[in-house]
Amino acid sequence: MAGIGFGQAGLAKYAGPGHWNDPDMLVVGKVGWGPELRPSRLTPDEQYTHISLWCLLAAPLLIGCPIEQLDDFTLGLLANTEVLEVNQDPLGRQADRVVDGDDYQVWARELEDSSRAVGLFNLDAYEFRKVRIDFQALGLGDGSYRVRDLWRQKDLGTFSGFFEAEIAPHGVVLVRIFPAE
């Protein structure tokens, strides 16, 4: 999942309304072939990373798990309206990597309302990591911006210059950044 998803860097120019890059099927919930289904081998944090990255990529969200066997966690992954809004944004721009650090990456995409959807990813398998994104790197001007955590559906506050978050191993913080009012 990580190799395919993070390997989409540089491919945003090929995506848009009517022609989407397809990094493959989602591997959340019960997966496998035939009657021998098993739970995904991805940890919960890796599943958040998976769905966040695919939504940032504007990728087709094809699930391979049987809908009638969804557990509450998987249903929450697949039904979070704020996360799905990023995937389904009418502007249709695919995110691209804006920061490629040691064991972390930041991906961002502009949305139709001129806000930014931003994924801060910790690629380290063992350690929590603070990841920072400067608003200038997102093409935003000077000033203050409101940041909303999309998975928790919670405003995090107003920030000037940058946003920083501590992220679990193989985890993500998926935010939407709006001009402050």
N, C-alpha and C. Protein backbone atom coordinates (compact mmCIF):
# COMPACT_ATOMS: atom_id res chain seq x y z
N MET A 1 0.83 -1.19 0.00
CA MET A 1 0.00 0.00 0.00
C MET A 1 0.87 1.25 0.00
N ALA A 2 1.85 1.32 0.90
CA ALA A 2 2.69 2.52 0.99
C ALA A 2 3.51 2.73 -0.27
N GLY A 3 4.08 1.66 -0.81
CA GLY A 3 4.89 1.79 -2.02
C GLY A 3 4.08 2.31 -3.19
N ILE A 4 2.88 1.78 -3.34
CA ILE A 4 2.01 2.22 -4.44
C ILE A 4 1.53 3.64 -4.20
N GLY A 5 1.01 3.91 -3.01
CA GLY A 5 0.44 5.22 -2.72
C GLY A 5 1.45 6.34 -2.77
N PHE A 6 2.55 6.20 -2.02
CA PHE A 6 3.56 7.25 -2.00
C PHE A 6 4.34 7.29 -3.32
N GLY A 7 4.26 6.24 -4.10
CA GLY A 7 4.86 6.22 -5.43
C GLY A 7 4.11 7.06 -6.45
N GLN A 8 2.99 7.65 -6.06
CA GLN A 8 2.21 8.50 -6.96
C GLN A 8 2.80 9.91 -7.07
N ALA A 9 3.85 10.20 -6.32
CA ALA A 9 4.47 11.52 -6.39
C ALA A 9 4.86 11.85 -7.82
N GLY A 10 4.51 13.04 -8.25
CA GLY A 10 4.84 13.48 -9.61
C GLY A 10 3.80 13.13 -10.65
N LEU A 11 2.76 12.40 -10.28
CA LEU A 11 1.77 11.97 -11.26
C LEU A 11 0.51 12.83 -11.28
N ALA A 12 0.47 13.87 -10.47
CA ALA A 12 -0.72 14.73 -10.40
C ALA A 12 -1.08 15.34 -11.75
N LYS A 13 -0.08 15.61 -12.57
CA LYS A 13 -0.33 16.25 -13.87
C LYS A 13 -1.15 15.35 -14.80
N TYR A 14 -1.24 14.07 -14.50
CA TYR A 14 -2.00 13.15 -15.35
C TYR A 14 -3.42 12.91 -14.86
N ALA A 15 -3.80 13.54 -13.75
CA ALA A 15 -5.12 13.30 -13.17
C ALA A 15 -6.00 14.53 -13.28
N GLY A 16 -7.28 14.30 -13.35
CA GLY A 16 -8.25 15.38 -13.37
C GLY A 16 -9.60 14.83 -13.77
N PRO A 17 -10.61 15.68 -13.78
CA PRO A 17 -11.94 15.21 -14.14
C PRO A 17 -11.93 14.42 -15.45
N GLY A 18 -12.42 13.21 -15.37
CA GLY A 18 -12.51 12.35 -16.54
C GLY A 18 -11.30 11.44 -16.75
N HIS A 19 -10.23 11.64 -16.00
CA HIS A 19 -9.05 10.77 -16.15
C HIS A 19 -8.28 10.74 -14.82
N TRP A 20 -8.58 9.71 -14.03
CA TRP A 20 -8.04 9.59 -12.67
C TRP A 20 -6.95 8.54 -12.63
N ASN A 21 -5.89 8.83 -11.89
CA ASN A 21 -4.89 7.80 -11.61
C ASN A 21 -5.50 6.81 -10.63
N ASP A 22 -5.16 5.54 -10.78
CA ASP A 22 -5.77 4.49 -9.95
C ASP A 22 -4.67 3.69 -9.26
N PRO A 23 -4.37 4.02 -7.98
CA PRO A 23 -3.33 3.30 -7.28
C PRO A 23 -3.76 1.92 -6.76
N ASP A 24 -4.95 1.49 -7.04
CA ASP A 24 -5.42 0.13 -6.74
C ASP A 24 -6.50 0.15 -5.66
N MET A 25 -7.01 -1.03 -5.37
CA MET A 25 -8.12 -1.24 -4.45
C MET A 25 -7.70 -0.97 -3.01
N LEU A 26 -8.66 -0.53 -2.21
CA LEU A 26 -8.44 -0.32 -0.77
C LEU A 26 -8.38 -1.68 -0.07
N VAL A 27 -7.46 -1.80 0.87
CA VAL A 27 -7.32 -3.06 1.62
C VAL A 27 -7.65 -2.82 3.09
N VAL A 28 -8.90 -2.47 3.33
CA VAL A 28 -9.41 -2.27 4.68
C VAL A 28 -10.55 -3.25 4.91
N GLY A 29 -10.88 -3.48 6.18
CA GLY A 29 -11.94 -4.43 6.50
C GLY A 29 -11.46 -5.86 6.29
N LYS A 30 -12.37 -6.73 5.89
CA LYS A 30 -12.03 -8.12 5.62
C LYS A 30 -11.57 -8.23 4.17
N VAL A 31 -10.42 -8.82 3.97
CA VAL A 31 -9.83 -8.91 2.63
C VAL A 31 -9.47 -10.35 2.32
N GLY A 32 -9.15 -10.60 1.07
CA GLY A 32 -8.76 -11.93 0.62
C GLY A 32 -9.62 -12.36 -0.55
N TRP A 33 -9.50 -13.63 -0.89
CA TRP A 33 -10.24 -14.17 -2.03
C TRP A 33 -11.10 -15.33 -1.59
N GLY A 34 -12.28 -15.43 -2.18
CA GLY A 34 -13.15 -16.56 -1.90
C GLY A 34 -13.71 -16.52 -0.48
N PRO A 35 -14.01 -17.70 0.05
CA PRO A 35 -14.64 -17.75 1.38
C PRO A 35 -13.66 -17.53 2.54
N GLU A 36 -12.37 -17.50 2.27
CA GLU A 36 -11.36 -17.37 3.32
C GLU A 36 -10.94 -15.92 3.53
N LEU A 37 -11.87 -15.08 3.94
CA LEU A 37 -11.55 -13.68 4.20
C LEU A 37 -10.87 -13.55 5.56
N ARG A 38 -10.02 -12.54 5.67
CA ARG A 38 -9.32 -12.27 6.94
C ARG A 38 -9.30 -10.76 7.14
N PRO A 39 -9.10 -10.32 8.37
CA PRO A 39 -8.98 -8.88 8.59
C PRO A 39 -7.75 -8.32 7.88
N SER A 40 -7.82 -7.08 7.47
CA SER A 40 -6.68 -6.41 6.85
C SER A 40 -5.46 -6.55 7.76
N ARG A 41 -4.30 -6.69 7.14
CA ARG A 41 -3.06 -6.76 7.92
C ARG A 41 -2.55 -5.37 8.30
N LEU A 42 -3.22 -4.34 7.82
CA LEU A 42 -2.83 -2.97 8.17
C LEU A 42 -3.30 -2.64 9.58
N THR A 43 -2.44 -1.96 10.33
CA THR A 43 -2.84 -1.48 11.65
C THR A 43 -3.90 -0.40 11.48
N PRO A 44 -4.59 -0.03 12.56
CA PRO A 44 -5.54 1.08 12.43
C PRO A 44 -4.88 2.36 11.90
N ASP A 45 -3.69 2.72 12.40
CA ASP A 45 -3.03 3.92 11.89
C ASP A 45 -2.68 3.78 10.41
N GLU A 46 -2.28 2.60 9.98
CA GLU A 46 -1.98 2.38 8.57
C GLU A 46 -3.24 2.47 7.71
N GLN A 47 -4.38 2.06 8.26
CA GLN A 47 -5.64 2.18 7.52
C GLN A 47 -6.05 3.65 7.37
N TYR A 48 -5.84 4.46 8.42
CA TYR A 48 -6.08 5.90 8.29
C TYR A 48 -5.17 6.49 7.22
N THR A 49 -3.91 6.07 7.23
CA THR A 49 -2.97 6.53 6.20
C THR A 49 -3.45 6.14 4.81
N HIS A 50 -3.88 4.91 4.66
CA HIS A 50 -4.34 4.39 3.37
C HIS A 50 -5.50 5.23 2.83
N ILE A 51 -6.54 5.40 3.62
CA ILE A 51 -7.72 6.14 3.15
C ILE A 51 -7.37 7.61 2.92
N SER A 52 -6.58 8.19 3.81
CA SER A 52 -6.19 9.60 3.66
C SER A 52 -5.44 9.82 2.36
N LEU A 53 -4.46 8.97 2.09
CA LEU A 53 -3.65 9.13 0.88
C LEU A 53 -4.49 8.95 -0.37
N TRP A 54 -5.34 7.93 -0.41
CA TRP A 54 -6.18 7.70 -1.59
C TRP A 54 -7.13 8.88 -1.80
N CYS A 55 -7.66 9.46 -0.71
CA CYS A 55 -8.55 10.62 -0.87
C CYS A 55 -7.77 11.83 -1.36
N LEU A 56 -6.57 12.05 -0.86
CA LEU A 56 -5.75 13.14 -1.36
C LEU A 56 -5.41 12.95 -2.84
N LEU A 57 -5.22 11.70 -3.24
CA LEU A 57 -4.87 11.41 -4.63
C LEU A 57 -6.06 11.50 -5.58
N ALA A 58 -7.25 11.76 -5.05
CA ALA A 58 -8.47 11.77 -5.87
C ALA A 58 -8.63 10.43 -6.59
N ALA A 59 -8.20 9.37 -5.93
CA ALA A 59 -8.22 8.04 -6.52
C ALA A 59 -9.62 7.42 -6.42
N PRO A 60 -9.95 6.54 -7.36
CA PRO A 60 -11.19 5.77 -7.20
C PRO A 60 -11.13 4.98 -5.89
N LEU A 61 -12.21 5.05 -5.12
CA LEU A 61 -12.25 4.36 -3.83
C LEU A 61 -12.96 3.03 -4.00
N LEU A 62 -12.23 2.04 -4.46
CA LEU A 62 -12.78 0.70 -4.71
C LEU A 62 -12.49 -0.17 -3.51
N ILE A 63 -13.54 -0.67 -2.88
CA ILE A 63 -13.32 -1.53 -1.72
C ILE A 63 -13.45 -2.99 -2.12
N GLY A 64 -12.65 -3.82 -1.49
CA GLY A 64 -12.69 -5.24 -1.76
C GLY A 64 -13.32 -6.02 -0.62
N CYS A 65 -13.75 -5.32 0.41
CA CYS A 65 -14.35 -6.02 1.55
C CYS A 65 -15.87 -6.09 1.37
N PRO A 66 -16.46 -7.16 1.86
CA PRO A 66 -17.92 -7.27 1.72
C PRO A 66 -18.63 -6.26 2.63
N ILE A 67 -19.50 -5.47 2.05
CA ILE A 67 -20.19 -4.41 2.79
C ILE A 67 -20.99 -4.99 3.95
N GLU A 68 -21.58 -6.14 3.77
CA GLU A 68 -22.41 -6.71 4.84
C GLU A 68 -21.58 -7.18 6.04
N GLN A 69 -20.26 -7.19 5.91
CA GLN A 69 -19.39 -7.61 7.02
C GLN A 69 -18.54 -6.47 7.57
N LEU A 70 -18.91 -5.23 7.29
CA LEU A 70 -18.13 -4.10 7.79
C LEU A 70 -18.25 -4.00 9.31
N ASP A 71 -17.11 -3.85 9.97
CA ASP A 71 -17.14 -3.57 11.40
C ASP A 71 -17.24 -2.05 11.58
N ASP A 72 -17.45 -1.60 12.80
CA ASP A 72 -17.64 -0.17 13.05
C ASP A 72 -16.42 0.65 12.64
N PHE A 73 -15.21 0.15 12.90
CA PHE A 73 -14.00 0.88 12.53
C PHE A 73 -13.93 1.09 11.02
N THR A 74 -14.13 0.02 10.26
CA THR A 74 -14.05 0.12 8.80
C THR A 74 -15.15 1.02 8.25
N LEU A 75 -16.34 0.90 8.80
CA LEU A 75 -17.43 1.78 8.37
C LEU A 75 -17.07 3.24 8.62
N GLY A 76 -16.45 3.53 9.76
CA GLY A 76 -16.00 4.89 10.04
C GLY A 76 -14.97 5.38 9.05
N LEU A 77 -14.07 4.50 8.63
CA LEU A 77 -13.08 4.86 7.61
C LEU A 77 -13.73 5.22 6.29
N LEU A 78 -14.71 4.45 5.91
CA LEU A 78 -15.31 4.58 4.58
C LEU A 78 -16.46 5.58 4.51
N ALA A 79 -16.93 6.05 5.67
CA ALA A 79 -18.12 6.90 5.68
C ALA A 79 -17.90 8.29 6.29
N ASN A 80 -16.66 8.67 6.54
CA ASN A 80 -16.39 9.99 7.10
C ASN A 80 -16.60 11.03 5.99
N THR A 81 -17.66 11.82 6.12
CA THR A 81 -18.04 12.73 5.05
C THR A 81 -16.97 13.79 4.77
N GLU A 82 -16.29 14.26 5.79
CA GLU A 82 -15.27 15.31 5.56
C GLU A 82 -14.07 14.76 4.81
N VAL A 83 -13.71 13.51 5.06
CA VAL A 83 -12.61 12.88 4.34
C VAL A 83 -13.04 12.59 2.90
N LEU A 84 -14.26 12.09 2.73
CA LEU A 84 -14.77 11.80 1.39
C LEU A 84 -14.92 13.06 0.54
N GLU A 85 -15.22 14.20 1.17
CA GLU A 85 -15.31 15.46 0.43
C GLU A 85 -13.98 15.80 -0.24
N VAL A 86 -12.88 15.45 0.40
CA VAL A 86 -11.56 15.68 -0.21
C VAL A 86 -11.44 14.84 -1.47
N ASN A 87 -11.78 13.58 -1.39
CA ASN A 87 -11.70 12.69 -2.55
C ASN A 87 -12.60 13.16 -3.68
N GLN A 88 -13.78 13.63 -3.34
CA GLN A 88 -14.80 13.96 -4.33
C GLN A 88 -14.82 15.43 -4.72
N ASP A 89 -13.84 16.21 -4.33
CA ASP A 89 -13.84 17.64 -4.62
C ASP A 89 -13.97 17.89 -6.12
N PRO A 90 -14.90 18.75 -6.53
CA PRO A 90 -15.15 18.97 -7.96
C PRO A 90 -13.97 19.54 -8.75
N LEU A 91 -13.05 20.24 -8.11
CA LEU A 91 -11.89 20.76 -8.83
C LEU A 91 -11.08 19.62 -9.43
N GLY A 92 -11.06 18.49 -8.74
CA GLY A 92 -10.45 17.29 -9.31
C GLY A 92 -8.94 17.30 -9.38
N ARG A 93 -8.29 18.09 -8.55
CA ARG A 93 -6.83 18.10 -8.55
C ARG A 93 -6.31 17.01 -7.63
N GLN A 94 -5.38 16.24 -8.13
CA GLN A 94 -4.72 15.21 -7.30
C GLN A 94 -3.66 15.89 -6.45
N ALA A 95 -3.50 15.43 -5.24
CA ALA A 95 -2.43 15.94 -4.37
C ALA A 95 -1.07 15.54 -4.93
N ASP A 96 -0.08 16.28 -4.51
CA ASP A 96 1.29 15.91 -4.80
C ASP A 96 2.10 16.10 -3.53
N ARG A 97 3.23 15.46 -3.50
CA ARG A 97 4.11 15.57 -2.34
C ARG A 97 4.76 16.95 -2.33
N VAL A 98 4.63 17.66 -1.22
CA VAL A 98 5.25 18.98 -1.10
C VAL A 98 6.45 18.97 -0.15
N VAL A 99 6.54 17.95 0.69
CA VAL A 99 7.70 17.77 1.56
C VAL A 99 8.06 16.29 1.56
N ASP A 100 9.35 15.99 1.33
CA ASP A 100 9.85 14.62 1.37
C ASP A 100 11.01 14.60 2.36
N GLY A 101 10.69 14.31 3.61
CA GLY A 101 11.70 14.33 4.65
C GLY A 101 12.19 12.94 5.01
N ASP A 102 13.05 12.90 5.99
CA ASP A 102 13.52 11.62 6.52
C ASP A 102 12.38 10.99 7.31
N ASP A 103 11.80 9.92 6.79
CA ASP A 103 10.72 9.18 7.44
C ASP A 103 9.42 9.97 7.61
N TYR A 104 9.22 11.00 6.81
CA TYR A 104 7.93 11.68 6.81
C TYR A 104 7.72 12.35 5.46
N GLN A 105 6.44 12.55 5.13
CA GLN A 105 6.08 13.26 3.91
C GLN A 105 4.85 14.11 4.19
N VAL A 106 4.71 15.17 3.40
CA VAL A 106 3.51 16.00 3.42
C VAL A 106 2.98 16.07 2.00
N TRP A 107 1.70 15.76 1.85
CA TRP A 107 1.02 15.82 0.56
C TRP A 107 -0.11 16.84 0.67
N ALA A 108 -0.38 17.56 -0.42
CA ALA A 108 -1.42 18.59 -0.38
C ALA A 108 -2.09 18.73 -1.74
N ARG A 109 -3.33 19.17 -1.66
CA ARG A 109 -4.06 19.48 -2.89
C ARG A 109 -4.98 20.67 -2.64
N GLU A 110 -5.11 21.49 -3.67
CA GLU A 110 -6.05 22.60 -3.61
C GLU A 110 -7.45 22.07 -3.86
N LEU A 111 -8.41 22.62 -3.12
CA LEU A 111 -9.81 22.24 -3.29
C LEU A 111 -10.57 23.38 -3.96
N GLU A 112 -11.77 23.08 -4.42
CA GLU A 112 -12.55 24.03 -5.20
C GLU A 112 -12.77 25.36 -4.48
N ASP A 113 -12.89 25.33 -3.15
CA ASP A 113 -13.14 26.57 -2.40
C ASP A 113 -11.84 27.30 -2.04
N SER A 114 -10.72 26.90 -2.64
CA SER A 114 -9.37 27.46 -2.42
C SER A 114 -8.75 27.05 -1.09
N SER A 115 -9.41 26.22 -0.31
CA SER A 115 -8.77 25.66 0.88
C SER A 115 -7.77 24.60 0.42
N ARG A 116 -7.00 24.08 1.34
CA ARG A 116 -6.03 23.02 1.03
C ARG A 116 -6.34 21.81 1.91
N ALA A 117 -6.31 20.65 1.30
CA ALA A 117 -6.34 19.38 2.05
C ALA A 117 -4.89 18.94 2.16
N VAL A 118 -4.47 18.64 3.38
CA VAL A 118 -3.06 18.35 3.63
C VAL A 118 -2.95 17.10 4.49
N GLY A 119 -2.12 16.16 4.04
CA GLY A 119 -1.83 14.96 4.81
C GLY A 119 -0.39 15.01 5.29
N LEU A 120 -0.21 14.92 6.60
CA LEU A 120 1.12 14.85 7.21
C LEU A 120 1.33 13.39 7.61
N PHE A 121 2.29 12.73 7.00
CA PHE A 121 2.48 11.29 7.14
C PHE A 121 3.78 10.97 7.86
N ASN A 122 3.71 10.10 8.84
CA ASN A 122 4.89 9.58 9.53
C ASN A 122 5.19 8.21 8.93
N LEU A 123 6.31 8.08 8.24
CA LEU A 123 6.66 6.82 7.60
C LEU A 123 7.45 5.89 8.51
N ASP A 124 7.84 6.38 9.69
CA ASP A 124 8.59 5.56 10.63
C ASP A 124 7.67 4.50 11.24
N ALA A 125 8.15 3.29 11.35
CA ALA A 125 7.32 2.19 11.85
C ALA A 125 7.27 2.12 13.37
N TYR A 126 8.15 2.85 14.07
CA TYR A 126 8.28 2.64 15.51
C TYR A 126 8.13 3.89 16.36
N GLU A 127 8.48 5.06 15.84
CA GLU A 127 8.54 6.27 16.64
C GLU A 127 7.47 7.28 16.23
N PHE A 128 6.90 7.96 17.24
CA PHE A 128 6.08 9.13 16.95
C PHE A 128 7.00 10.20 16.38
N ARG A 129 6.44 11.09 15.56
CA ARG A 129 7.25 12.12 14.93
C ARG A 129 6.41 13.39 14.80
N LYS A 130 7.06 14.53 15.07
CA LYS A 130 6.43 15.82 14.79
C LYS A 130 6.70 16.15 13.33
N VAL A 131 5.63 16.53 12.63
CA VAL A 131 5.74 16.92 11.23
C VAL A 131 5.16 18.32 11.10
N ARG A 132 5.89 19.15 10.39
CA ARG A 132 5.51 20.57 10.23
C ARG A 132 5.35 20.88 8.75
N ILE A 133 4.35 21.72 8.46
CA ILE A 133 4.19 22.24 7.11
C ILE A 133 4.08 23.76 7.19
N ASP A 134 4.96 24.42 6.44
CA ASP A 134 4.90 25.88 6.33
C ASP A 134 3.83 26.24 5.31
N PHE A 135 3.02 27.22 5.64
CA PHE A 135 1.92 27.61 4.75
C PHE A 135 2.44 28.10 3.39
N GLN A 136 3.63 28.69 3.36
CA GLN A 136 4.21 29.14 2.10
C GLN A 136 4.41 27.96 1.14
N ALA A 137 4.78 26.79 1.67
CA ALA A 137 5.01 25.60 0.84
C ALA A 137 3.71 25.11 0.20
N LEU A 138 2.58 25.54 0.77
CA LEU A 138 1.27 25.16 0.23
C LEU A 138 0.74 26.18 -0.76
N GLY A 139 1.52 27.21 -1.03
CA GLY A 139 1.07 28.25 -1.94
C GLY A 139 0.13 29.24 -1.27
N LEU A 140 0.12 29.26 0.06
CA LEU A 140 -0.72 30.19 0.79
C LEU A 140 0.10 31.42 1.15
N GLY A 141 -0.55 32.55 1.25
CA GLY A 141 0.13 33.79 1.57
C GLY A 141 0.38 33.93 3.07
N ASP A 142 0.94 35.06 3.42
CA ASP A 142 1.13 35.37 4.83
C ASP A 142 -0.23 35.52 5.48
N GLY A 143 -0.28 35.32 6.74
CA GLY A 143 -1.54 35.48 7.46
C GLY A 143 -1.85 34.26 8.29
N SER A 144 -3.04 34.28 8.83
CA SER A 144 -3.49 33.21 9.71
C SER A 144 -4.46 32.31 8.97
N TYR A 145 -4.42 31.04 9.36
CA TYR A 145 -5.27 30.04 8.73
C TYR A 145 -5.91 29.15 9.79
N ARG A 146 -7.17 28.80 9.52
CA ARG A 146 -7.90 27.89 10.39
C ARG A 146 -7.61 26.46 9.93
N VAL A 147 -7.32 25.58 10.88
CA VAL A 147 -6.97 24.20 10.56
C VAL A 147 -8.01 23.28 11.20
N ARG A 148 -8.52 22.36 10.38
CA ARG A 148 -9.53 21.41 10.85
C ARG A 148 -9.03 19.99 10.63
N ASP A 149 -9.10 19.17 11.67
CA ASP A 149 -8.76 17.75 11.61
C ASP A 149 -9.95 17.02 10.99
N LEU A 150 -9.74 16.42 9.83
CA LEU A 150 -10.86 15.80 9.11
C LEU A 150 -11.29 14.47 9.69
N TRP A 151 -10.38 13.68 10.21
CA TRP A 151 -10.78 12.40 10.80
C TRP A 151 -11.56 12.61 12.09
N ARG A 152 -11.15 13.57 12.88
CA ARG A 152 -11.83 13.82 14.15
C ARG A 152 -12.97 14.82 14.00
N GLN A 153 -13.09 15.42 12.82
CA GLN A 153 -14.11 16.42 12.53
C GLN A 153 -14.13 17.48 13.62
N LYS A 154 -12.92 18.08 13.80
CA LYS A 154 -12.73 19.02 14.90
C LYS A 154 -11.79 20.14 14.46
N ASP A 155 -12.18 21.39 14.75
CA ASP A 155 -11.31 22.52 14.49
C ASP A 155 -10.15 22.48 15.48
N LEU A 156 -8.93 22.68 14.98
CA LEU A 156 -7.74 22.64 15.83
C LEU A 156 -7.27 24.03 16.24
N GLY A 157 -7.79 25.06 15.58
CA GLY A 157 -7.42 26.42 15.93
C GLY A 157 -6.95 27.20 14.73
N THR A 158 -6.45 28.40 15.03
CA THR A 158 -5.92 29.29 14.01
C THR A 158 -4.41 29.36 14.17
N PHE A 159 -3.69 29.24 13.05
CA PHE A 159 -2.24 29.16 13.06
C PHE A 159 -1.66 30.19 12.10
N SER A 160 -0.50 30.72 12.43
CA SER A 160 0.22 31.66 11.57
C SER A 160 1.53 31.04 11.13
N GLY A 161 1.78 31.05 9.83
CA GLY A 161 3.07 30.61 9.31
C GLY A 161 3.21 29.13 9.07
N PHE A 162 2.72 28.30 9.98
CA PHE A 162 2.89 26.86 9.84
C PHE A 162 1.90 26.11 10.72
N PHE A 163 1.78 24.82 10.44
CA PHE A 163 1.03 23.89 11.28
C PHE A 163 1.95 22.71 11.56
N GLU A 164 1.87 22.20 12.78
CA GLU A 164 2.70 21.07 13.18
C GLU A 164 1.85 20.10 14.00
N ALA A 165 2.11 18.82 13.82
CA ALA A 165 1.37 17.80 14.56
C ALA A 165 2.30 16.64 14.90
N GLU A 166 2.00 15.99 16.01
CA GLU A 166 2.71 14.77 16.37
C GLU A 166 1.91 13.60 15.82
N ILE A 167 2.61 12.70 15.13
CA ILE A 167 1.94 11.66 14.37
C ILE A 167 2.44 10.29 14.80
N ALA A 168 1.52 9.36 14.94
CA ALA A 168 1.83 7.99 15.34
C ALA A 168 2.65 7.29 14.26
N PRO A 169 3.38 6.23 14.62
CA PRO A 169 4.11 5.44 13.63
C PRO A 169 3.17 4.96 12.51
N HIS A 170 3.62 5.13 11.27
CA HIS A 170 2.84 4.79 10.08
C HIS A 170 1.48 5.49 10.06
N GLY A 171 1.37 6.60 10.78
CA GLY A 171 0.11 7.31 10.89
C GLY A 171 0.06 8.57 10.05
N VAL A 172 -1.05 9.27 10.19
CA VAL A 172 -1.33 10.47 9.41
C VAL A 172 -2.14 11.43 10.26
N VAL A 173 -1.98 12.71 9.98
CA VAL A 173 -2.93 13.73 10.40
C VAL A 173 -3.41 14.37 9.10
N LEU A 174 -4.71 14.26 8.85
CA LEU A 174 -5.32 14.80 7.64
C LEU A 174 -6.10 16.04 8.02
N VAL A 175 -5.70 17.19 7.47
CA VAL A 175 -6.32 18.45 7.82
C VAL A 175 -6.78 19.20 6.59
N ARG A 176 -7.66 20.15 6.85
CA ARG A 176 -8.07 21.09 5.82
C ARG A 176 -7.73 22.47 6.35
N ILE A 177 -7.11 23.28 5.50
CA ILE A 177 -6.62 24.59 5.91
C ILE A 177 -7.41 25.66 5.16
N PHE A 178 -8.04 26.54 5.95
CA PHE A 178 -8.89 27.61 5.42
C PHE A 178 -8.32 28.96 5.84
N PRO A 179 -8.55 30.02 5.06
CA PRO A 179 -8.19 31.35 5.56
C PRO A 179 -8.98 31.64 6.84
N ALA A 180 -8.32 32.25 7.83
CA ALA A 180 -9.00 32.60 9.07
C ALA A 180 -9.99 33.72 8.78
N GLU A 181 -11.09 33.70 9.48
CA GLU A 181 -12.13 34.72 9.25
C GLU A 181 -11.96 35.89 10.16
